[in-house]
């Protein structure tokens, strides 16, 4: 009896040690989890609450993106976003689920929540992207309300800018920019979203990376996902999020993949004049972040705990 008891206890201890080793190698194997660009605790908390309710990653990233979209104090996303040089607030957004379905809107005006319109494009049309007046017509047909998105603060900033009309993208403006989100649902599936009002005082009609699948966001449920923030032209030129997912597919960690994607930019362009930041999340729950300049932060929520982390960066 003593021998049998000893063998049983030894087996239990061995199994426990094996589980602890696995957990230490993959500290985030418990699902769900949320990660987003910049300091976006409220967005993450909304995404986390959605996960507790439905368990689905797609619902979470939409819920998270809607928070800055409705914040009049956020000058780079949605309501309150700085206008283009003609005084128009134009919005871009995209969303992608674990099955490879995607929806996007570009150059959308007068709608508070472009991320929800993007999801409607994905789920209710045969298309991936709608733009401009067509995107607005579709949104109105789906019951979205037409609103004035130009706040007094944003209008004042635009009128001040017009005095010199000098176009100069700002690095880490107010330490936030486009918001990109990635989430793992309770079943371990991955989804992503991105939403923005674009560069302040941009040319009328300019569209950046934010609504482009493979640039701002890309997800593959066999591998993981990635999202981007910063000066979108350079994310577009390198299809950064798609690149990161493919690098992870070929064996790189999320951190290594983000660093390689930044290196693809700094090797070719005058990187000292702008900022790009990347986030990556694989199916194990491992994540990485990297940027060109210092000052890029990201927000992660797991096990109900939210924290903001400063990203590693290239330019010392």
Protein backbone atom coordinates (compact mmCIF):
# COMPACT_ATOMS: atom_id res chain seq x y z
CA UNK A 1 0.00 0.00 0.00
CA UNK A 2 2.83 2.39 0.84
CA UNK A 3 4.53 1.59 -2.48
CA UNK A 4 1.28 2.21 -4.40
CA UNK A 5 0.69 5.49 -2.56
CA UNK A 6 4.25 6.60 -3.31
CA UNK A 7 3.89 5.83 -7.04
CA UNK A 8 0.56 7.67 -7.21
CA UNK A 9 1.94 10.74 -5.44
CA UNK A 10 5.01 10.74 -7.67
CA UNK A 11 2.82 10.63 -10.80
CA UNK A 12 0.76 13.56 -9.58
CA UNK A 13 3.86 15.61 -8.80
CA UNK A 14 5.37 14.81 -12.21
CA UNK A 15 2.19 15.89 -14.00
CA UNK A 16 2.05 19.08 -11.95
CA UNK A 17 5.67 19.90 -12.75
CA UNK A 18 5.01 19.32 -16.45
CA UNK A 19 2.02 21.67 -16.36
CA UNK A 20 4.01 24.34 -14.56
CA UNK A 21 6.83 24.07 -17.13
CA UNK A 22 4.34 24.49 -19.98
CA UNK A 23 2.78 27.52 -18.29
CA UNK A 24 6.18 29.14 -17.74
CA UNK A 25 7.11 28.70 -21.41
CA UNK A 26 3.77 30.05 -22.58
CA UNK A 27 2.67 32.40 -19.79
CA UNK A 28 -0.49 33.51 -21.57
CA UNK A 29 -1.90 30.16 -22.66
CA UNK A 30 -5.06 30.94 -20.69
CA UNK A 31 -7.61 32.61 -22.91
CA UNK A 32 -9.01 35.15 -23.45
CA UNK A 33 -6.71 38.15 -23.80
CA UNK A 34 -6.62 41.58 -25.47
CA UNK A 35 -3.76 43.74 -26.70
CA UNK A 36 -3.97 47.21 -28.24
CA UNK A 37 -1.73 50.02 -29.45
CA UNK A 38 -0.94 52.95 -27.19
CA UNK A 39 -2.39 53.68 -23.74
CA UNK A 40 -5.93 52.45 -24.17
CA UNK A 41 -7.05 50.96 -20.87
CA UNK A 42 -10.71 51.89 -21.40
CA UNK A 43 -10.73 50.25 -24.83
CA UNK A 44 -9.16 47.10 -23.43
CA UNK A 45 -11.60 47.03 -20.54
CA UNK A 46 -14.53 47.26 -22.96
CA UNK A 47 -13.03 44.47 -25.06
CA UNK A 48 -12.50 42.35 -21.94
CA UNK A 49 -16.08 42.92 -20.80
CA UNK A 50 -17.27 41.80 -24.22
CA UNK A 51 -15.18 38.64 -23.93
CA UNK A 52 -16.78 37.85 -20.59
CA UNK A 53 -20.18 38.25 -22.20
CA UNK A 54 -19.84 36.46 -25.56
CA UNK A 55 -16.37 34.91 -25.47
CA UNK A 56 -15.76 35.90 -29.08
CA UNK A 57 -12.63 37.77 -30.16
CA UNK A 58 -14.44 39.56 -33.00
CA UNK A 59 -16.98 41.09 -30.61
CA UNK A 60 -14.13 42.15 -28.32
CA UNK A 61 -12.08 44.07 -30.89
CA UNK A 62 -15.17 45.88 -32.14
CA UNK A 63 -16.22 46.82 -28.61
CA UNK A 64 -12.72 48.06 -27.82
CA UNK A 65 -12.44 50.17 -30.97
CA UNK A 66 -15.75 51.88 -30.30
CA UNK A 67 -14.39 53.50 -27.13
CA UNK A 68 -11.89 55.93 -28.72
CA UNK A 69 -14.22 56.41 -31.68
CA UNK A 70 -16.74 58.05 -29.34
CA UNK A 71 -14.20 60.01 -27.29
CA UNK A 72 -14.23 63.73 -28.18
CA UNK A 73 -10.86 64.15 -26.45
CA UNK A 74 -9.13 61.68 -28.75
CA UNK A 75 -7.91 63.81 -31.64
CA UNK A 76 -6.72 60.95 -33.84
CA UNK A 77 -9.71 58.57 -33.80
CA UNK A 78 -13.37 59.15 -34.68
CA UNK A 79 -15.42 61.86 -33.00
CA UNK A 80 -13.00 64.63 -32.04
CA UNK A 81 -10.46 63.59 -34.66
CA UNK A 82 -8.61 66.42 -36.37
CA UNK A 83 -9.99 67.14 -39.85
CA UNK A 84 -8.27 67.16 -43.21
CA UNK A 85 -6.95 70.44 -44.65
CA UNK A 86 -10.44 71.26 -45.95
CA UNK A 87 -12.03 70.88 -42.51
CA UNK A 88 -13.62 67.46 -43.03
CA UNK A 89 -13.34 64.62 -40.49
CA UNK A 90 -12.85 61.49 -42.58
CA UNK A 91 -12.59 58.05 -41.02
CA UNK A 92 -10.99 54.71 -41.92
CA UNK A 93 -11.44 51.35 -40.22
CA UNK A 94 -11.12 47.62 -40.78
CA UNK A 95 -11.93 44.40 -38.95
CA UNK A 96 -10.93 40.75 -39.51
CA UNK A 97 -12.10 37.52 -37.90
CA UNK A 98 -10.51 34.14 -37.33
CA UNK A 99 -12.01 32.67 -40.50
CA UNK A 100 -10.32 35.18 -42.79
CA UNK A 101 -13.46 37.29 -43.25
CA UNK A 102 -12.80 41.02 -43.38
CA UNK A 103 -14.59 44.34 -43.74
CA UNK A 104 -13.37 47.87 -44.26
CA UNK A 105 -14.49 51.45 -44.80
CA UNK A 106 -12.41 54.32 -46.14
CA UNK A 107 -13.02 58.07 -46.41
CA UNK A 108 -16.22 57.71 -44.38
CA UNK A 109 -17.79 60.90 -43.02
CA UNK A 110 -20.51 61.69 -40.45
CA UNK A 111 -20.64 58.25 -38.79
CA UNK A 112 -19.53 57.86 -35.17
CA UNK A 113 -18.49 54.20 -35.34
CA UNK A 114 -16.72 53.25 -38.57
CA UNK A 115 -15.54 49.98 -37.01
CA UNK A 116 -19.14 48.80 -36.73
CA UNK A 117 -19.81 49.84 -40.32
CA UNK A 118 -16.73 47.83 -41.35
CA UNK A 119 -18.14 44.80 -39.56
CA UNK A 120 -21.46 45.29 -41.34
CA UNK A 121 -19.60 45.40 -44.68
CA UNK A 122 -17.98 42.09 -43.74
CA UNK A 123 -21.16 40.38 -42.62
CA UNK A 124 -23.85 41.90 -44.85
CA UNK A 125 -22.22 42.51 -48.24
CA UNK A 126 -20.21 40.42 -50.72
CA UNK A 127 -17.41 43.02 -50.52
CA UNK A 128 -14.45 43.77 -48.30
CA UNK A 129 -14.20 47.56 -48.70
CA UNK A 130 -16.63 50.43 -49.20
CA UNK A 131 -15.48 54.02 -49.60
CA UNK A 132 -16.66 57.60 -49.39
CA UNK A 133 -20.25 58.37 -50.32
CA UNK A 134 -20.96 54.70 -50.97
CA UNK A 135 -19.79 53.76 -47.48
CA UNK A 136 -21.97 56.52 -46.01
CA UNK A 137 -25.03 55.38 -47.96
CA UNK A 138 -24.50 51.82 -46.78
CA UNK A 139 -24.09 52.94 -43.17
CA UNK A 140 -27.32 54.93 -43.27
CA UNK A 141 -29.13 51.95 -44.82
CA UNK A 142 -28.00 49.87 -41.84
CA UNK A 143 -29.43 52.32 -39.33
CA UNK A 144 -26.31 54.28 -38.41
CA UNK A 145 -26.98 57.90 -37.51
CA UNK A 146 -25.49 60.81 -39.47
CA UNK A 147 -23.67 63.19 -37.10
CA UNK A 148 -21.32 66.16 -37.05
CA UNK A 149 -17.96 64.78 -35.88
CA UNK A 150 -15.99 68.06 -35.91
CA UNK A 151 -15.69 69.20 -32.29
CA UNK A 152 -14.97 72.78 -31.29
CA UNK A 153 -11.47 71.79 -30.16
CA UNK A 154 -10.67 70.12 -33.48
CA UNK A 155 -12.12 73.03 -35.45
CA UNK A 156 -10.01 75.52 -33.48
CA UNK A 157 -6.87 73.45 -34.11
CA UNK A 158 -7.67 73.37 -37.84
CA UNK A 159 -8.23 77.12 -38.00
CA UNK A 160 -4.92 77.67 -36.22
CA UNK A 161 -3.19 75.32 -38.66
CA UNK A 162 -4.57 77.24 -41.65
CA UNK A 163 -2.51 80.29 -40.65
CA UNK A 164 0.64 78.57 -41.93
CA UNK A 165 -0.84 75.49 -43.66
CA UNK A 166 2.38 73.62 -42.98
CA UNK A 167 1.86 69.89 -43.36
CA UNK A 168 4.09 68.07 -40.89
CA UNK A 169 3.11 64.69 -39.44
CA UNK A 170 3.74 64.61 -35.70
CA UNK A 171 5.63 61.77 -34.02
CA UNK A 172 3.76 60.21 -31.08
CA UNK A 173 1.23 63.04 -31.00
CA UNK A 174 -0.06 63.12 -27.42
CA UNK A 175 1.32 59.56 -27.14
CA UNK A 176 -1.54 58.08 -29.10
CA UNK A 177 -2.52 57.57 -32.69
CA UNK A 178 -4.48 55.01 -34.65
CA UNK A 179 -5.80 52.29 -32.36
CA UNK A 180 -5.21 48.70 -33.41
CA UNK A 181 -6.50 45.78 -31.34
CA UNK A 182 -5.94 42.04 -31.31
CA UNK A 183 -7.85 39.54 -29.18
CA UNK A 184 -7.90 35.85 -28.43
CA UNK A 185 -11.37 34.57 -27.63
CA UNK A 186 -12.31 31.98 -25.05
CA UNK A 187 -11.81 29.27 -27.67
CA UNK A 188 -8.40 30.64 -28.59
CA UNK A 189 -9.53 32.16 -31.90
CA UNK A 190 -7.97 35.45 -33.04
CA UNK A 191 -9.48 38.64 -34.47
CA UNK A 192 -8.22 42.16 -35.09
CA UNK A 193 -9.45 45.70 -35.73
CA UNK A 194 -8.13 49.15 -36.50
CA UNK A 195 -9.78 52.58 -36.57
CA UNK A 196 -8.59 56.15 -37.13
CA UNK A 197 -9.40 59.64 -38.33
CA UNK A 198 -6.05 59.64 -40.11
CA UNK A 199 -3.32 62.23 -40.21
CA UNK A 200 -4.31 65.69 -39.04
CA UNK A 201 -4.74 68.20 -41.90
CA UNK A 202 -4.07 65.55 -44.56
CA UNK A 203 -4.99 66.11 -48.21
CA UNK A 204 -8.71 65.66 -48.79
CA UNK A 205 -9.22 62.07 -49.87
CA UNK A 206 -6.05 60.68 -48.30
CA UNK A 207 -6.38 57.10 -47.05
CA UNK A 208 -3.68 55.48 -44.95
CA UNK A 209 -3.04 51.91 -43.87
CA UNK A 210 -5.83 51.69 -41.28
CA UNK A 211 -8.57 50.27 -43.54
CA UNK A 212 -6.25 48.00 -45.53
CA UNK A 213 -6.23 44.31 -44.64
CA UNK A 214 -2.61 43.14 -44.51
CA UNK A 215 -1.31 46.60 -43.72
CA UNK A 216 -2.97 47.82 -40.50
CA UNK A 217 -4.34 44.42 -39.46
CA UNK A 218 -3.94 40.81 -40.45
CA UNK A 219 -5.10 37.64 -38.71
CA UNK A 220 -4.62 33.96 -39.50
CA UNK A 221 -6.10 31.51 -37.04
CA UNK A 222 -3.34 28.99 -37.75
CA UNK A 223 -0.66 31.47 -36.68
CA UNK A 224 -1.80 34.65 -34.93
CA UNK A 225 -2.29 38.31 -35.77
CA UNK A 226 -0.59 41.68 -36.04
CA UNK A 227 -1.58 45.35 -36.12
CA UNK A 228 0.15 48.65 -36.83
CA UNK A 229 0.13 52.31 -35.88
CA UNK A 230 2.01 55.39 -37.01
CA UNK A 231 2.59 56.97 -40.43
CA UNK A 232 0.48 54.69 -42.59
CA UNK A 233 2.20 55.28 -45.91
CA UNK A 234 5.16 53.18 -44.77
CA UNK A 235 3.00 50.41 -43.36
CA UNK A 236 1.28 50.29 -46.75
CA UNK A 237 4.56 50.15 -48.64
CA UNK A 238 5.69 47.10 -46.68
CA UNK A 239 2.33 45.45 -45.81
CA UNK A 240 3.61 45.24 -42.27
CA UNK A 241 0.90 43.21 -40.54
CA UNK A 242 0.78 40.53 -43.23
CA UNK A 243 4.57 40.38 -43.18
CA UNK A 244 4.63 39.86 -39.39
CA UNK A 245 2.11 37.02 -39.53
CA UNK A 246 4.07 35.30 -42.30
CA UNK A 247 7.29 35.68 -40.31
CA UNK A 248 5.58 34.03 -37.34
CA UNK A 249 4.33 31.27 -39.65
CA UNK A 250 7.93 30.60 -40.54
CA UNK A 251 9.05 30.23 -36.96
CA UNK A 252 9.79 33.70 -35.60
CA UNK A 253 8.43 34.76 -32.24
CA UNK A 254 6.02 37.73 -32.17
CA UNK A 255 8.86 39.93 -30.90
CA UNK A 256 11.28 38.80 -33.59
CA UNK A 257 8.63 39.29 -36.27
CA UNK A 258 7.86 42.86 -35.15
CA UNK A 259 11.55 43.73 -35.12
CA UNK A 260 12.08 42.32 -38.61
CA UNK A 261 9.10 44.29 -39.95
CA UNK A 262 10.58 47.52 -38.56
CA UNK A 263 13.95 46.65 -40.11
CA UNK A 264 12.30 46.33 -43.53
CA UNK A 265 11.38 50.02 -43.17
CA UNK A 266 14.56 51.43 -41.67
CA UNK A 267 16.74 49.75 -44.29
CA UNK A 268 14.91 51.51 -47.11
CA UNK A 269 13.41 54.80 -45.94
CA UNK A 270 14.38 57.96 -44.03
CA UNK A 271 12.98 56.54 -40.82
CA UNK A 272 14.18 59.34 -38.52
CA UNK A 273 11.30 61.61 -39.53
CA UNK A 274 8.36 59.40 -38.55
CA UNK A 275 7.07 56.69 -36.22
CA UNK A 276 5.78 53.18 -36.87
CA UNK A 277 4.78 50.74 -34.13
CA UNK A 278 3.80 47.08 -34.48
CA UNK A 279 2.07 44.59 -32.20
CA UNK A 280 1.90 40.84 -32.72
CA UNK A 281 0.07 38.06 -30.91
CA UNK A 282 0.39 34.35 -31.68
CA UNK A 283 -2.01 31.51 -30.96
CA UNK A 284 -0.11 30.53 -27.82
CA UNK A 285 -0.83 33.93 -26.33
CA UNK A 286 2.76 35.12 -26.74
CA UNK A 287 3.06 38.74 -27.85
CA UNK A 288 5.64 41.22 -29.09
CA UNK A 289 5.95 44.94 -29.85
CA UNK A 290 8.53 47.10 -31.58
CA UNK A 291 8.73 50.63 -33.00
CA UNK A 292 11.11 52.91 -34.83
CA UNK A 293 11.21 55.70 -32.25
CA UNK A 294 10.90 55.64 -28.49
CA UNK A 295 7.55 56.56 -26.97
CA UNK A 296 5.35 53.81 -28.38
CA UNK A 297 3.35 52.00 -25.72
CA UNK A 298 0.78 49.24 -25.79
CA UNK A 299 -1.94 47.96 -23.47
CA UNK A 300 -2.52 44.32 -22.58
CA UNK A 301 -5.32 42.66 -20.64
CA UNK A 302 -5.13 39.06 -19.44
CA UNK A 303 -6.67 37.33 -16.46
CA UNK A 304 -8.72 40.48 -15.96
CA UNK A 305 -5.64 42.63 -15.33
CA UNK A 306 -4.81 45.57 -17.62
CA UNK A 307 -1.37 47.14 -17.86
CA UNK A 308 0.45 49.58 -20.16
CA UNK A 309 3.92 48.62 -21.39
CA UNK A 310 6.59 50.69 -23.13
CA UNK A 311 7.67 49.06 -26.37
CA UNK A 312 11.25 48.33 -27.32
CA UNK A 313 12.45 50.49 -30.22
CA UNK A 314 15.12 50.78 -32.91
CA UNK A 315 16.34 54.38 -32.83
CA UNK A 316 18.54 54.93 -29.76
